[in-house]
Amino acid sequence: MKHYIDFHEDVGIEELDKLLDIAVDMKAKTKARIPHHYLEGQSLAMIFTKSSTRTRVSFEVGMYQLGGQALFLSDHDIQIGRGETIYDTAHVLSGMVDAIMIRTFAHQDIVDLAKYGSIPVINGLSDDQHPTQMLADLLTIKEVKGGLKGLKLAYLGDGNNVANSLLQACAKAGMDVAIASPSDYTCPDKYVGQAKKDAAITGSKVLMTTDPFEAAADADVIYTDTWTSMGQEEEKAMRVRIFKDYQVNSKIMGVAHKDAMFLHCLPAYRGYEVTEDVINGPQSYVFQEAENRLHAHKAILVNCMADINEFI
């Protein structure tokens, strides 16, 4: 049984290449309208306690294109929202569906679903990590740049779940990664340590700084995320003041390579973490990145729920 919960623990360095190859194959088959019903007859339970556009659509459409079905379950639809334990939920769903994708707040809830259940569990996002987004990001970079190893990605802003997972993913891919955040909002030591451990193997570098221009210097990819994540709405005014110097704008893009890409996991708040001219400009690949969620998530689903070697 294969889970996809923590990028550092669940994706090996060599396995990452395999996952990307599967995603490329999935995208080519989708564009050519070649049926690829690798999960025919299988069902995916999708638990959402955090709302979503891209995660829901990509997993739901992905399961349909793979020949299976997906069930959308918000915390208003199932008993977990009324106090039923993760233990009970894991056991019940394990007897009815073939895998669970969950997008929620507490990372431990995802870990516990995998611990108590007997089917694969996929982390669609938690307060700590966003590993499914990472495969779409790496796929997009590879499509545009032709490869990953030796490139530099700079992330500017809140040291949140996306930043934590970028540290893990870039180090696995052999990419240099620089994170620029205010000192009180940087990534936890746990994720920095994991990245440095993998970077020592892949030959990449990890930089943690409070200076956005230092991080962005000579970068091949500039990445940012919202300054106010779900559940932090009451902090918005404070966070706008704290992160205003970390906005991705023409000055920041000017210290990166001339052909640097701009990425954002979306939703984006124009005029805050990124200016209109950057996100709508020629260096922005945010919609290609969003589309690649579909193909990356299909690769994750097949890798967790089937023997991909039978099909590719």
C-alpha atoms as a PDB file:
ATOM      1  CA  MET A   1       0.000   0.000   0.000  1.00  0.00           C
ATOM      2  CA  LYS A   2       1.379   3.379  -1.072  1.00  0.00           C
ATOM      3  CA  HIS A   3       0.473   6.640   0.674  1.00  0.00           C
ATOM      4  CA  TYR A   4       1.217  10.172  -0.565  1.00  0.00           C
ATOM      5  CA  ILE A   5       1.229  12.237   2.604  1.00  0.00           C
ATOM      6  CA  ASP A   6       4.693  13.704   3.147  1.00  0.00           C
ATOM      7  CA  PHE A   7       6.906  14.505   0.146  1.00  0.00           C
ATOM      8  CA  HIS A   8      10.109  13.842   2.074  1.00  0.00           C
ATOM      9  CA  GLU A   9       9.010  10.469   3.401  1.00  0.00           C
ATOM     10  CA  ASP A  10       6.785   9.181   0.597  1.00  0.00           C
ATOM     11  CA  VAL A  11       8.643  10.229  -2.569  1.00  0.00           C
ATOM     12  CA  GLY A  12      12.115   8.840  -3.156  1.00  0.00           C
ATOM     13  CA  ILE A  13      14.625  10.683  -5.320  1.00  0.00           C
ATOM     14  CA  GLU A  14      14.408   8.068  -8.076  1.00  0.00           C
ATOM     15  CA  GLU A  15      10.650   7.688  -7.614  1.00  0.00           C
ATOM     16  CA  LEU A  16      10.196  11.389  -8.336  1.00  0.00           C
ATOM     17  CA  ASP A  17      11.432  10.882 -11.908  1.00  0.00           C
ATOM     18  CA  LYS A  18       8.966   8.011 -12.286  1.00  0.00           C
ATOM     19  CA  LEU A  19       6.052  10.111 -11.042  1.00  0.00           C
ATOM     20  CA  LEU A  20       6.930  12.920 -13.435  1.00  0.00           C
ATOM     21  CA  ASP A  21       7.176  10.458 -16.329  1.00  0.00           C
ATOM     22  CA  ILE A  22       3.726   9.120 -15.439  1.00  0.00           C
ATOM     23  CA  ALA A  23       2.333  12.669 -15.334  1.00  0.00           C
ATOM     24  CA  VAL A  24       3.835  13.442 -18.752  1.00  0.00           C
ATOM     25  CA  ASP A  25       2.281  10.261 -20.135  1.00  0.00           C
ATOM     26  CA  MET A  26      -1.084  11.118 -18.570  1.00  0.00           C
ATOM     27  CA  LYS A  27      -1.029  14.593 -20.092  1.00  0.00           C
ATOM     28  CA  ALA A  28      -0.157  13.278 -23.555  1.00  0.00           C
ATOM     29  CA  LYS A  29      -2.958  10.707 -23.418  1.00  0.00           C
ATOM     30  CA  THR A  30      -5.430  13.347 -22.203  1.00  0.00           C
ATOM     31  CA  LYS A  31      -4.531  15.772 -24.999  1.00  0.00           C
ATOM     32  CA  ALA A  32      -4.750  13.010 -27.607  1.00  0.00           C
ATOM     33  CA  ARG A  33      -8.042  11.770 -26.098  1.00  0.00           C
ATOM     34  CA  ILE A  34      -6.569   8.296 -25.650  1.00  0.00           C
ATOM     35  CA  PRO A  35      -8.554   6.356 -23.024  1.00  0.00           C
ATOM     36  CA  HIS A  36      -6.498   5.405 -19.977  1.00  0.00           C
ATOM     37  CA  HIS A  37      -8.916   3.724 -17.583  1.00  0.00           C
ATOM     38  CA  TYR A  38      -6.220   2.449 -15.230  1.00  0.00           C
ATOM     39  CA  LEU A  39      -8.512   2.711 -12.197  1.00  0.00           C
ATOM     40  CA  GLU A  40     -11.675   1.295 -13.730  1.00  0.00           C
ATOM     41  CA  GLY A  41     -14.171   0.293 -11.055  1.00  0.00           C
ATOM     42  CA  GLN A  42     -12.280   1.998  -8.232  1.00  0.00           C
ATOM     43  CA  SER A  43     -13.580   4.750  -5.952  1.00  0.00           C
ATOM     44  CA  LEU A  44     -11.866   7.690  -4.252  1.00  0.00           C
ATOM     45  CA  ALA A  45     -13.335   9.368  -1.171  1.00  0.00           C
ATOM     46  CA  MET A  46     -12.441  13.075  -1.164  1.00  0.00           C
ATOM     47  CA  ILE A  47     -12.715  14.639   2.292  1.00  0.00           C
ATOM     48  CA  PHE A  48     -12.684  18.453   2.360  1.00  0.00           C
ATOM     49  CA  THR A  49     -12.665  20.462   5.561  1.00  0.00           C
ATOM     50  CA  LYS A  50     -10.864  23.232   3.621  1.00  0.00           C
ATOM     51  CA  SER A  51     -12.516  24.556   0.472  1.00  0.00           C
ATOM     52  CA  SER A  52     -10.847  24.188  -2.905  1.00  0.00           C
ATOM     53  CA  THR A  53     -11.176  24.811  -6.620  1.00  0.00           C
ATOM     54  CA  ARG A  54      -8.127  23.146  -8.191  1.00  0.00           C
ATOM     55  CA  THR A  55      -7.807  20.210  -5.783  1.00  0.00           C
ATOM     56  CA  ARG A  56     -11.438  19.192  -6.046  1.00  0.00           C
ATOM     57  CA  VAL A  57     -11.744  19.551  -9.809  1.00  0.00           C
ATOM     58  CA  SER A  58      -8.431  17.876 -10.606  1.00  0.00           C
ATOM     59  CA  PHE A  59      -9.008  14.825  -8.420  1.00  0.00           C
ATOM     60  CA  GLU A  60     -12.660  14.445  -9.412  1.00  0.00           C
ATOM     61  CA  VAL A  61     -12.022  14.815 -13.138  1.00  0.00           C
ATOM     62  CA  GLY A  62      -8.851  12.763 -12.810  1.00  0.00           C
ATOM     63  CA  MET A  63     -10.680   9.787 -11.322  1.00  0.00           C
ATOM     64  CA  TYR A  64     -13.326  10.041 -14.071  1.00  0.00           C
ATOM     65  CA  GLN A  65     -10.663  10.057 -16.798  1.00  0.00           C
ATOM     66  CA  LEU A  66      -8.985   7.070 -15.126  1.00  0.00           C
ATOM     67  CA  GLY A  67     -12.237   5.129 -15.295  1.00  0.00           C
ATOM     68  CA  GLY A  68     -13.123   5.395 -11.612  1.00  0.00           C
ATOM     69  CA  GLN A  69     -15.349   7.618  -9.528  1.00  0.00           C
ATOM     70  CA  ALA A  70     -14.792  10.247  -6.847  1.00  0.00           C
ATOM     71  CA  LEU A  71     -17.066  11.108  -3.938  1.00  0.00           C
ATOM     72  CA  PHE A  72     -16.965  14.675  -2.601  1.00  0.00           C
ATOM     73  CA  LEU A  73     -17.365  14.642   1.186  1.00  0.00           C
ATOM     74  CA  SER A  74     -17.272  17.952   3.041  1.00  0.00           C
ATOM     75  CA  ASP A  75     -17.254  18.068   6.836  1.00  0.00           C
ATOM     76  CA  HIS A  76     -20.930  19.078   6.532  1.00  0.00           C
ATOM     77  CA  ASP A  77     -21.736  15.888   4.628  1.00  0.00           C
ATOM     78  CA  ILE A  78     -20.111  13.243   6.827  1.00  0.00           C
ATOM     79  CA  GLN A  79     -20.067  12.510  10.530  1.00  0.00           C
ATOM     80  CA  ILE A  80     -16.459  13.608  10.974  1.00  0.00           C
ATOM     81  CA  GLY A  81     -17.900  17.128  11.074  1.00  0.00           C
ATOM     82  CA  ARG A  82     -20.085  16.146  14.037  1.00  0.00           C
ATOM     83  CA  GLY A  83     -17.362  14.576  16.128  1.00  0.00           C
ATOM     84  CA  GLU A  84     -16.902  11.080  14.704  1.00  0.00           C
ATOM     85  CA  THR A  85     -13.315  10.018  15.290  1.00  0.00           C
ATOM     86  CA  ILE A  86     -10.643   9.673  12.631  1.00  0.00           C
ATOM     87  CA  TYR A  87     -10.286   6.064  13.817  1.00  0.00           C
ATOM     88  CA  ASP A  88     -13.910   5.249  13.010  1.00  0.00           C
ATOM     89  CA  THR A  89     -13.907   7.206   9.756  1.00  0.00           C
ATOM     90  CA  ALA A  90     -10.774   5.416   8.544  1.00  0.00           C
ATOM     91  CA  HIS A  91     -12.223   1.993   9.278  1.00  0.00           C
ATOM     92  CA  VAL A  92     -15.614   2.747   7.688  1.00  0.00           C
ATOM     93  CA  LEU A  93     -14.196   4.228   4.480  1.00  0.00           C
ATOM     94  CA  SER A  94     -11.626   1.451   4.171  1.00  0.00           C
ATOM     95  CA  GLY A  95     -14.484  -0.997   3.762  1.00  0.00           C
ATOM     96  CA  MET A  96     -16.257   1.002   1.065  1.00  0.00           C
ATOM     97  CA  VAL A  97     -13.734   2.832  -1.146  1.00  0.00           C
ATOM     98  CA  ASP A  98     -10.287   2.144  -2.575  1.00  0.00           C
ATOM     99  CA  ALA A  99      -8.437   5.292  -1.445  1.00  0.00           C
ATOM    100  CA  ILE A 100      -8.910   8.560   0.441  1.00  0.00           C
ATOM    101  CA  MET A 101      -7.799  12.046  -0.543  1.00  0.00           C
ATOM    102  CA  ILE A 102      -8.157  14.575   2.283  1.00  0.00           C
ATOM    103  CA  ARG A 103      -7.709  18.355   2.326  1.00  0.00           C
ATOM    104  CA  THR A 104      -7.830  19.600   5.886  1.00  0.00           C
ATOM    105  CA  PHE A 105      -6.253  21.683   8.637  1.00  0.00           C
ATOM    106  CA  ALA A 106      -4.428  19.340  11.036  1.00  0.00           C
ATOM    107  CA  HIS A 107      -1.691  17.292   9.391  1.00  0.00           C
ATOM    108  CA  GLN A 108      -2.012  14.688  12.139  1.00  0.00           C
ATOM    109  CA  ASP A 109      -5.549  13.879  10.951  1.00  0.00           C
ATOM    110  CA  ILE A 110      -4.093  12.734   7.628  1.00  0.00           C
ATOM    111  CA  VAL A 111      -1.398  10.684   9.351  1.00  0.00           C
ATOM    112  CA  ASP A 112      -4.047   9.064  11.543  1.00  0.00           C
ATOM    113  CA  LEU A 113      -6.281   8.212   8.577  1.00  0.00           C
ATOM    114  CA  ALA A 114      -3.388   6.266   7.092  1.00  0.00           C
ATOM    115  CA  LYS A 115      -2.525   4.710  10.458  1.00  0.00           C
ATOM    116  CA  TYR A 116      -6.013   3.394  11.194  1.00  0.00           C
ATOM    117  CA  GLY A 117      -7.235   2.685   7.666  1.00  0.00           C
ATOM    118  CA  SER A 118      -6.254  -0.079   5.276  1.00  0.00           C
ATOM    119  CA  ILE A 119      -6.287   1.879   1.980  1.00  0.00           C
ATOM    120  CA  PRO A 120      -3.990   4.516   0.433  1.00  0.00           C
ATOM    121  CA  VAL A 121      -4.281   8.071   1.777  1.00  0.00           C
ATOM    122  CA  ILE A 122      -3.342  11.161  -0.257  1.00  0.00           C
ATOM    123  CA  ASN A 123      -2.627  14.529   1.357  1.00  0.00           C
ATOM    124  CA  GLY A 124      -4.502  17.125  -0.696  1.00  0.00           C
ATOM    125  CA  LEU A 125      -3.269  19.843   1.686  1.00  0.00           C
ATOM    126  CA  SER A 126      -2.764  20.340   5.401  1.00  0.00           C
ATOM    127  CA  ASP A 127      -1.617  23.269   7.483  1.00  0.00           C
ATOM    128  CA  ASP A 128       1.892  21.770   7.332  1.00  0.00           C
ATOM    129  CA  GLN A 129       2.311  20.545   3.775  1.00  0.00           C
ATOM    130  CA  HIS A 130       0.964  20.645   0.217  1.00  0.00           C
ATOM    131  CA  PRO A 131       2.690  17.707  -1.501  1.00  0.00           C
ATOM    132  CA  THR A 132       0.254  17.198  -4.399  1.00  0.00           C
ATOM    133  CA  GLN A 133       0.899  20.770  -5.572  1.00  0.00           C
ATOM    134  CA  MET A 134       4.608  20.025  -5.768  1.00  0.00           C
ATOM    135  CA  LEU A 135       4.332  17.429  -8.511  1.00  0.00           C
ATOM    136  CA  ALA A 136       2.370  19.877 -10.666  1.00  0.00           C
ATOM    137  CA  ASP A 137       4.969  22.576 -10.010  1.00  0.00           C
ATOM    138  CA  LEU A 138       7.901  20.354 -10.939  1.00  0.00           C
ATOM    139  CA  LEU A 139       6.075  19.137 -14.041  1.00  0.00           C
ATOM    140  CA  THR A 140       5.512  22.736 -15.152  1.00  0.00           C
ATOM    141  CA  ILE A 141       9.129  23.726 -14.579  1.00  0.00           C
ATOM    142  CA  LYS A 142      10.347  20.660 -16.461  1.00  0.00           C
ATOM    143  CA  GLU A 143       8.067  21.440 -19.410  1.00  0.00           C
ATOM    144  CA  VAL A 144       9.286  25.026 -19.665  1.00  0.00           C
ATOM    145  CA  LYS A 145      12.954  24.598 -18.768  1.00  0.00           C
ATOM    146  CA  GLY A 146      13.546  21.124 -20.155  1.00  0.00           C
ATOM    147  CA  GLY A 147      14.788  19.741 -16.844  1.00  0.00           C
ATOM    148  CA  LEU A 148      15.064  20.390 -13.127  1.00  0.00           C
ATOM    149  CA  LYS A 149      18.523  19.615 -11.802  1.00  0.00           C
ATOM    150  CA  GLY A 150      20.729  22.664 -11.333  1.00  0.00           C
ATOM    151  CA  LEU A 151      17.921  25.215 -11.548  1.00  0.00           C
ATOM    152  CA  LYS A 152      17.211  27.686  -8.736  1.00  0.00           C
ATOM    153  CA  LEU A 153      13.755  28.321  -7.286  1.00  0.00           C
ATOM    154  CA  ALA A 154      13.154  31.309  -5.010  1.00  0.00           C
ATOM    155  CA  TYR A 155      10.071  31.460  -2.816  1.00  0.00           C
ATOM    156  CA  LEU A 156       9.062  34.803  -1.280  1.00  0.00           C
ATOM    157  CA  GLY A 157       6.544  35.237   1.518  1.00  0.00           C
ATOM    158  CA  ASP A 158       5.020  33.237   4.336  1.00  0.00           C
ATOM    159  CA  GLY A 159       6.897  30.105   5.403  1.00  0.00           C
ATOM    160  CA  ASN A 160       3.683  28.100   5.107  1.00  0.00           C
ATOM    161  CA  ASN A 161       2.670  24.640   3.916  1.00  0.00           C
ATOM    162  CA  VAL A 162       3.628  25.425   0.317  1.00  0.00           C
ATOM    163  CA  ALA A 163       7.058  26.705   1.323  1.00  0.00           C
ATOM    164  CA  ASN A 164       7.641  23.625   3.489  1.00  0.00           C
ATOM    165  CA  SER A 165       6.810  21.300   0.618  1.00  0.00           C
ATOM    166  CA  LEU A 166       8.873  23.325  -1.859  1.00  0.00           C
ATOM    167  CA  LEU A 167      11.893  22.794   0.366  1.00  0.00           C
ATOM    168  CA  GLN A 168      11.292  19.048   0.262  1.00  0.00           C
ATOM    169  CA  ALA A 169      10.494  18.822  -3.453  1.00  0.00           C
ATOM    170  CA  CYS A 170      13.268  21.043  -4.796  1.00  0.00           C
ATOM    171  CA  ALA A 171      15.925  19.243  -2.779  1.00  0.00           C
ATOM    172  CA  LYS A 172      14.664  15.868  -4.059  1.00  0.00           C
ATOM    173  CA  ALA A 173      14.768  17.201  -7.636  1.00  0.00           C
ATOM    174  CA  GLY A 174      18.311  18.536  -7.339  1.00  0.00           C
ATOM    175  CA  MET A 175      17.185  22.157  -7.555  1.00  0.00           C
ATOM    176  CA  ASP A 176      18.647  24.972  -5.485  1.00  0.00           C
ATOM    177  CA  VAL A 177      15.933  26.480  -3.302  1.00  0.00           C
ATOM    178  CA  ALA A 178      15.934  29.856  -1.544  1.00  0.00           C
ATOM    179  CA  ILE A 179      13.203  30.839   0.899  1.00  0.00           C
ATOM    180  CA  ALA A 180      12.808  34.494   1.888  1.00  0.00           C
ATOM    181  CA  SER A 181      10.459  35.174   4.802  1.00  0.00           C
ATOM    182  CA  PRO A 182      10.298  37.521   7.795  1.00  0.00           C
ATOM    183  CA  SER A 183      12.206  35.981  10.696  1.00  0.00           C
ATOM    184  CA  ASP A 184       9.038  35.169  12.656  1.00  0.00           C
ATOM    185  CA  TYR A 185       7.373  33.529   9.643  1.00  0.00           C
ATOM    186  CA  THR A 186      10.080  31.271   8.283  1.00  0.00           C
ATOM    187  CA  CYS A 187       9.800  27.523   7.679  1.00  0.00           C
ATOM    188  CA  PRO A 188      10.204  25.193  10.670  1.00  0.00           C
ATOM    189  CA  ASP A 189      13.669  23.710  11.237  1.00  0.00           C
ATOM    190  CA  LYS A 190      12.225  20.257  10.532  1.00  0.00           C
ATOM    191  CA  TYR A 191      11.649  21.022   6.851  1.00  0.00           C
ATOM    192  CA  VAL A 192      14.881  22.941   6.424  1.00  0.00           C
ATOM    193  CA  GLY A 193      16.781  19.988   7.872  1.00  0.00           C
ATOM    194  CA  GLN A 194      15.034  17.515   5.582  1.00  0.00           C
ATOM    195  CA  ALA A 195      15.823  19.646   2.547  1.00  0.00           C
ATOM    196  CA  LYS A 196      19.483  20.002   3.456  1.00  0.00           C
ATOM    197  CA  LYS A 197      19.739  16.246   3.954  1.00  0.00           C
ATOM    198  CA  ASP A 198      18.384  15.528   0.476  1.00  0.00           C
ATOM    199  CA  ALA A 199      20.316  18.436  -1.052  1.00  0.00           C
ATOM    200  CA  ALA A 200      23.541  16.849   0.148  1.00  0.00           C
ATOM    201  CA  ILE A 201      22.632  13.785  -1.918  1.00  0.00           C
ATOM    202  CA  THR A 202      21.399  15.557  -5.057  1.00  0.00           C
ATOM    203  CA  GLY A 203      24.076  18.267  -5.038  1.00  0.00           C
ATOM    204  CA  SER A 204      21.737  21.219  -4.597  1.00  0.00           C
ATOM    205  CA  LYS A 205      21.781  24.124  -2.143  1.00  0.00           C
ATOM    206  CA  VAL A 206      19.300  25.453   0.421  1.00  0.00           C
ATOM    207  CA  LEU A 207      19.214  29.133   1.413  1.00  0.00           C
ATOM    208  CA  MET A 208      17.038  30.567   4.175  1.00  0.00           C
ATOM    209  CA  THR A 209      17.022  34.366   4.324  1.00  0.00           C
ATOM    210  CA  THR A 210      14.947  37.388   5.311  1.00  0.00           C
ATOM    211  CA  ASP A 211      16.087  39.293   2.185  1.00  0.00           C
ATOM    212  CA  PRO A 212      13.774  38.753  -0.823  1.00  0.00           C
ATOM    213  CA  PHE A 213      16.331  40.164  -3.253  1.00  0.00           C
ATOM    214  CA  GLU A 214      19.014  37.791  -2.007  1.00  0.00           C
ATOM    215  CA  ALA A 215      16.672  34.866  -2.547  1.00  0.00           C
ATOM    216  CA  ALA A 216      15.559  36.019  -6.004  1.00  0.00           C
ATOM    217  CA  ALA A 217      19.051  36.775  -7.339  1.00  0.00           C
ATOM    218  CA  ASP A 218      19.768  34.664 -10.451  1.00  0.00           C
ATOM    219  CA  ALA A 219      16.685  32.514  -9.877  1.00  0.00           C
ATOM    220  CA  ASP A 220      15.151  30.470 -12.672  1.00  0.00           C
ATOM    221  CA  VAL A 221      11.782  30.319 -10.921  1.00  0.00           C
ATOM    222  CA  ILE A 222      10.122  32.893  -8.677  1.00  0.00           C
ATOM    223  CA  TYR A 223       7.308  31.491  -6.551  1.00  0.00           C
ATOM    224  CA  THR A 224       4.912  33.016  -4.054  1.00  0.00           C
ATOM    225  CA  ASP A 225       1.662  32.220  -2.243  1.00  0.00           C
ATOM    226  CA  THR A 226      -1.071  34.127  -0.442  1.00  0.00           C
ATOM    227  CA  TRP A 227       0.005  35.977   2.677  1.00  0.00           C
ATOM    228  CA  THR A 228      -3.179  34.971   4.491  1.00  0.00           C
ATOM    229  CA  SER A 229      -4.025  31.277   4.396  1.00  0.00           C
ATOM    230  CA  MET A 230      -7.394  29.736   5.247  1.00  0.00           C
ATOM    231  CA  GLY A 231      -8.075  30.124   8.940  1.00  0.00           C
ATOM    232  CA  GLN A 232      -5.928  33.271   9.233  1.00  0.00           C
ATOM    233  CA  GLU A 233      -8.456  35.785   7.925  1.00  0.00           C
ATOM    234  CA  GLU A 234      -8.469  37.805  11.163  1.00  0.00           C
ATOM    235  CA  GLU A 235      -4.713  38.402  10.714  1.00  0.00           C
ATOM    236  CA  LYS A 236      -5.009  39.817   7.183  1.00  0.00           C
ATOM    237  CA  ALA A 237      -4.320  43.489   7.958  1.00  0.00           C
ATOM    238  CA  MET A 238      -1.336  42.607  10.136  1.00  0.00           C
ATOM    239  CA  ARG A 239       0.043  40.193   7.560  1.00  0.00           C
ATOM    240  CA  VAL A 240      -0.223  42.748   4.748  1.00  0.00           C
ATOM    241  CA  ARG A 241       2.020  45.066   6.759  1.00  0.00           C
ATOM    242  CA  ILE A 242       4.506  42.327   7.626  1.00  0.00           C
ATOM    243  CA  PHE A 243       4.842  40.874   4.116  1.00  0.00           C
ATOM    244  CA  LYS A 244       4.628  44.033   1.979  1.00  0.00           C
ATOM    245  CA  ASP A 245       8.364  43.930   1.208  1.00  0.00           C
ATOM    246  CA  TYR A 246       8.036  40.352  -0.081  1.00  0.00           C
ATOM    247  CA  GLN A 247       5.713  41.207  -2.950  1.00  0.00           C
ATOM    248  CA  VAL A 248       6.728  39.745  -6.312  1.00  0.00           C
ATOM    249  CA  ASN A 249       6.932  42.708  -8.666  1.00  0.00           C
ATOM    250  CA  SER A 250       9.038  43.932 -11.584  1.00  0.00           C
ATOM    251  CA  LYS A 251      11.942  44.835  -9.281  1.00  0.00           C
ATOM    252  CA  ILE A 252      12.095  41.325  -7.845  1.00  0.00           C
ATOM    253  CA  MET A 253      11.749  39.744 -11.295  1.00  0.00           C
ATOM    254  CA  GLY A 254      14.541  42.054 -12.452  1.00  0.00           C
ATOM    255  CA  VAL A 255      17.176  40.380 -10.265  1.00  0.00           C
ATOM    256  CA  ALA A 256      16.192  36.880 -11.421  1.00  0.00           C
ATOM    257  CA  HIS A 257      17.305  35.464 -14.766  1.00  0.00           C
ATOM    258  CA  LYS A 258      15.743  37.206 -17.746  1.00  0.00           C
ATOM    259  CA  ASP A 259      13.837  34.064 -18.652  1.00  0.00           C
ATOM    260  CA  ALA A 260      12.747  33.326 -15.082  1.00  0.00           C
ATOM    261  CA  MET A 261       9.306  31.760 -14.622  1.00  0.00           C
ATOM    262  CA  PHE A 262       6.701  33.038 -12.205  1.00  0.00           C
ATOM    263  CA  LEU A 263       4.617  30.431 -10.373  1.00  0.00           C
ATOM    264  CA  HIS A 264       1.804  30.652  -7.833  1.00  0.00           C
ATOM    265  CA  CYS A 265      -0.286  27.752  -6.521  1.00  0.00           C
ATOM    266  CA  LEU A 266      -3.429  29.966  -6.618  1.00  0.00           C
ATOM    267  CA  PRO A 267      -5.729  31.503  -5.623  1.00  0.00           C
ATOM    268  CA  ALA A 268      -3.744  34.699  -6.088  1.00  0.00           C
ATOM    269  CA  TYR A 269      -4.512  38.097  -4.621  1.00  0.00           C
ATOM    270  CA  ARG A 270      -3.268  40.620  -7.146  1.00  0.00           C
ATOM    271  CA  GLY A 271      -1.790  43.751  -5.631  1.00  0.00           C
ATOM    272  CA  TYR A 272      -0.730  41.881  -2.502  1.00  0.00           C
ATOM    273  CA  GLU A 273       1.748  38.992  -2.896  1.00  0.00           C
ATOM    274  CA  VAL A 274       2.097  39.635  -6.650  1.00  0.00           C
ATOM    275  CA  THR A 275       1.477  42.579  -8.942  1.00  0.00           C
ATOM    276  CA  GLU A 276      -0.919  42.451 -11.875  1.00  0.00           C
ATOM    277  CA  ASP A 277       1.818  42.965 -14.462  1.00  0.00           C
ATOM    278  CA  VAL A 278       3.797  39.953 -13.225  1.00  0.00           C
ATOM    279  CA  ILE A 279       1.016  37.391 -12.842  1.00  0.00           C
ATOM    280  CA  ASN A 280      -0.565  38.415 -16.157  1.00  0.00           C
ATOM    281  CA  GLY A 281       2.778  38.880 -17.897  1.00  0.00           C
ATOM    282  CA  PRO A 282       4.783  36.703 -20.300  1.00  0.00           C
ATOM    283  CA  GLN A 283       6.881  35.150 -17.523  1.00  0.00           C
ATOM    284  CA  SER A 284       3.831  33.819 -15.684  1.00  0.00           C
ATOM    285  CA  TYR A 285       2.964  30.127 -16.033  1.00  0.00           C
ATOM    286  CA  VAL A 286       0.311  29.972 -13.332  1.00  0.00           C
ATOM    287  CA  PHE A 287      -2.446  28.609 -15.567  1.00  0.00           C
ATOM    288  CA  GLN A 288      -0.225  25.951 -17.107  1.00  0.00           C
ATOM    289  CA  GLU A 289       0.733  25.115 -13.521  1.00  0.00           C
ATOM    290  CA  ALA A 290      -2.951  24.906 -12.547  1.00  0.00           C
ATOM    291  CA  GLU A 291      -3.804  22.664 -15.492  1.00  0.00           C
ATOM    292  CA  ASN A 292      -0.915  20.380 -14.572  1.00  0.00           C
ATOM    293  CA  ARG A 293      -2.630  19.662 -11.259  1.00  0.00           C
ATOM    294  CA  LEU A 294      -4.924  17.340 -13.228  1.00  0.00           C
ATOM    295  CA  HIS A 295      -2.121  15.341 -14.796  1.00  0.00           C
ATOM    296  CA  ALA A 296       0.075  15.290 -11.681  1.00  0.00           C
ATOM    297  CA  HIS A 297      -2.805  14.144  -9.507  1.00  0.00           C
ATOM    298  CA  LYS A 298      -3.651  11.371 -11.946  1.00  0.00           C
ATOM    299  CA  ALA A 299      -0.061  10.179 -11.668  1.00  0.00           C
ATOM    300  CA  ILE A 300      -0.340  10.179  -7.881  1.00  0.00           C
ATOM    301  CA  LEU A 301      -3.636   8.292  -7.998  1.00  0.00           C
ATOM    302  CA  VAL A 302      -2.310   5.592 -10.294  1.00  0.00           C
ATOM    303  CA  ASN A 303       0.911   5.271  -8.322  1.00  0.00           C
ATOM    304  CA  CYS A 304      -1.059   4.791  -5.090  1.00  0.00           C
ATOM    305  CA  MET A 305      -3.943   2.684  -6.380  1.00  0.00           C
ATOM    306  CA  ALA A 306      -2.513   0.479  -9.151  1.00  0.00           C
ATOM    307  CA  ASP A 307       0.663  -1.103 -10.507  1.00  0.00           C
ATOM    308  CA  ILE A 308       1.608   1.528 -13.060  1.00  0.00           C
ATOM    309  CA  ASN A 309       4.092  -0.860 -14.677  1.00  0.00           C
ATOM    310  CA  GLU A 310       1.093  -2.739 -16.070  1.00  0.00           C
ATOM    311  CA  PHE A 311       0.017   0.275 -18.091  1.00  0.00           C
ATOM    312  CA  ILE A 312       3.105   2.337 -18.983  1.00  0.00           C
END
